[in-house]
Amino acid sequence: MSCLTRLIMIFIGGQLMAGASVQFIFDLNAVHHSSDGVFWREFFKELIMRPPLYVMISGMVFLFVGVCFPRKSR
């Protein structure tokens, strides 16, 4: 994998993880406003049904591939 491809993979992974972080904050804010307190068990049950978790996982996969995949052999 060339250096440019690795940089693009790392950039995509970082962007996906940043977007998922913002979505996590909005989801946590929505759960907090709908009840008096944050019930973590209910939040995590709801979290597995929503896209931010899977966007974060795909961002981690892109970062892992971009960082750990071996360079092109000569």
Protein backbone atom coordinates (compact mmCIF):
# COMPACT_ATOMS: atom_id res chain seq x y z
CA MET A 1 0.00 0.00 0.00
CA SER A 2 1.48 3.35 -0.98
CA CYS A 3 2.01 6.22 1.42
CA LEU A 4 -0.75 8.29 -0.19
CA THR A 5 -3.26 5.45 0.13
CA ARG A 6 -2.34 4.99 3.78
CA LEU A 7 -2.80 8.71 4.45
CA ILE A 8 -6.19 8.68 2.74
CA MET A 9 -7.29 5.65 4.80
CA ILE A 10 -6.17 7.36 8.03
CA PHE A 11 -7.96 10.57 7.03
CA ILE A 12 -11.20 8.71 6.24
CA GLY A 13 -11.00 6.83 9.53
CA GLY A 14 -10.43 10.03 11.50
CA GLN A 15 -13.35 11.76 9.80
CA LEU A 16 -15.69 8.83 10.45
CA MET A 17 -14.69 8.69 14.10
CA ALA A 18 -15.09 12.45 14.54
CA GLY A 19 -18.56 12.35 12.95
CA ALA A 20 -19.59 9.42 15.14
CA SER A 21 -18.38 11.28 18.25
CA VAL A 22 -20.62 14.23 17.43
CA GLN A 23 -23.55 11.89 16.84
CA PHE A 24 -22.86 10.18 20.20
CA ILE A 25 -23.03 13.57 21.93
CA PHE A 26 -26.33 14.41 20.23
CA ASP A 27 -27.79 11.01 21.16
CA LEU A 28 -26.69 11.39 24.77
CA ASN A 29 -28.19 14.88 24.84
CA ALA A 30 -31.50 13.55 23.47
CA VAL A 31 -31.61 10.81 26.11
CA HIS A 32 -30.79 13.32 28.84
CA HIS A 33 -33.59 15.71 27.79
CA SER A 34 -36.18 12.96 27.53
CA SER A 35 -35.65 11.85 31.14
CA ASP A 36 -34.56 13.38 34.44
CA GLY A 37 -31.20 11.62 34.41
CA VAL A 38 -29.10 9.53 32.15
CA PHE A 39 -29.77 5.83 32.50
CA TRP A 40 -26.68 4.27 31.01
CA ARG A 41 -28.18 0.82 30.54
CA GLU A 42 -31.03 2.22 28.43
CA PHE A 43 -28.65 4.49 26.54
CA PHE A 44 -26.43 1.54 25.55
CA LYS A 45 -29.45 -0.55 24.60
CA GLU A 46 -30.55 2.25 22.30
CA LEU A 47 -27.03 2.81 21.05
CA ILE A 48 -26.69 -0.59 19.39
CA MET A 49 -29.78 0.15 17.28
CA ARG A 50 -28.44 3.46 15.91
CA PRO A 51 -25.82 4.23 13.22
CA PRO A 52 -23.15 6.11 15.26
CA LEU A 53 -21.80 2.91 16.81
CA TYR A 54 -21.29 1.32 13.41
CA VAL A 55 -19.83 4.51 11.94
CA MET A 56 -17.33 4.56 14.82
CA ILE A 57 -16.43 0.90 14.26
CA SER A 58 -15.90 1.47 10.53
CA GLY A 59 -13.71 4.50 11.34
CA MET A 60 -11.61 2.34 13.66
CA VAL A 61 -11.24 -0.27 10.92
CA PHE A 62 -10.06 2.36 8.42
CA LEU A 63 -7.56 3.72 10.95
CA PHE A 64 -6.30 0.25 11.78
CA VAL A 65 -5.83 -0.67 8.13
CA GLY A 66 -4.16 2.65 7.36
CA VAL A 67 -1.73 2.40 10.26
CA CYS A 68 -1.01 -1.33 10.46
CA PHE A 69 -1.17 -2.53 6.86
CA PRO A 70 2.35 -3.22 5.55
CA ARG A 71 3.93 -0.89 3.06
CA LYS A 72 4.32 -1.85 -0.57
CA SER A 73 7.27 -4.19 -0.99
CA ARG A 74 9.89 -3.26 -3.53
